[in-house]
Amino acid sequence: MINGWGSITNILVDGHDIRTLKLSWLRAQIGLIGQEPALMLDLTIGENISYGCQKQRIAIARALFRNRKVLLLDEATSALDVHNEKLVEESLNAVRQDNPSQTVIIVAHRLYIIQSCDLICVLGPHGRLLESGTHAELMAHGTAYRRFVLDHM
């Protein structure tokens, strides 16, 4: 639970409370891309894409192709170079335009991937919500986010 958002009474997926959904269906609607993707590949293929950047790109492409209702990227671009991170950001923007009902949650420390998000939540120690808004709003009125951006320029 994110401190600072009060008590959340329900979570909806496609307008349905998740407590009423079959767990197997719900899990099938969520795509997860972590920092270290697990690819179930034949060893020879796995050896050919052993670099982190290549594994990340394949994991991200798979998740985007499967068109899940909820896509969770947990530091998913941390192994990517700037060029590939830009390609991922462009792909995510295209997905948002093509499927505006899809929810994409991005956990990231790198600013580039989150600047175009609809809502940025800045968390402090112990998961406490410090501030939230768009990049422009947080740069104009935020303190923690603006300080983070300026420190990383």
Foldseek 3Di string as FASTA:
>chain_A
DAAPPPDDDADDQVRDGPVPDDPVVVVLQEQEAEQQDDDPDDVVVCVVQVQSQSRLVVSLVVRLVSNHQEYEYHQSCVSPDPVVLVVSLVSVVVSCVVPVSRHYHYHHLDDPSQQQDQKDFDADPPNYTDDMGHNVCCCVPNDPSVVSVVVVD
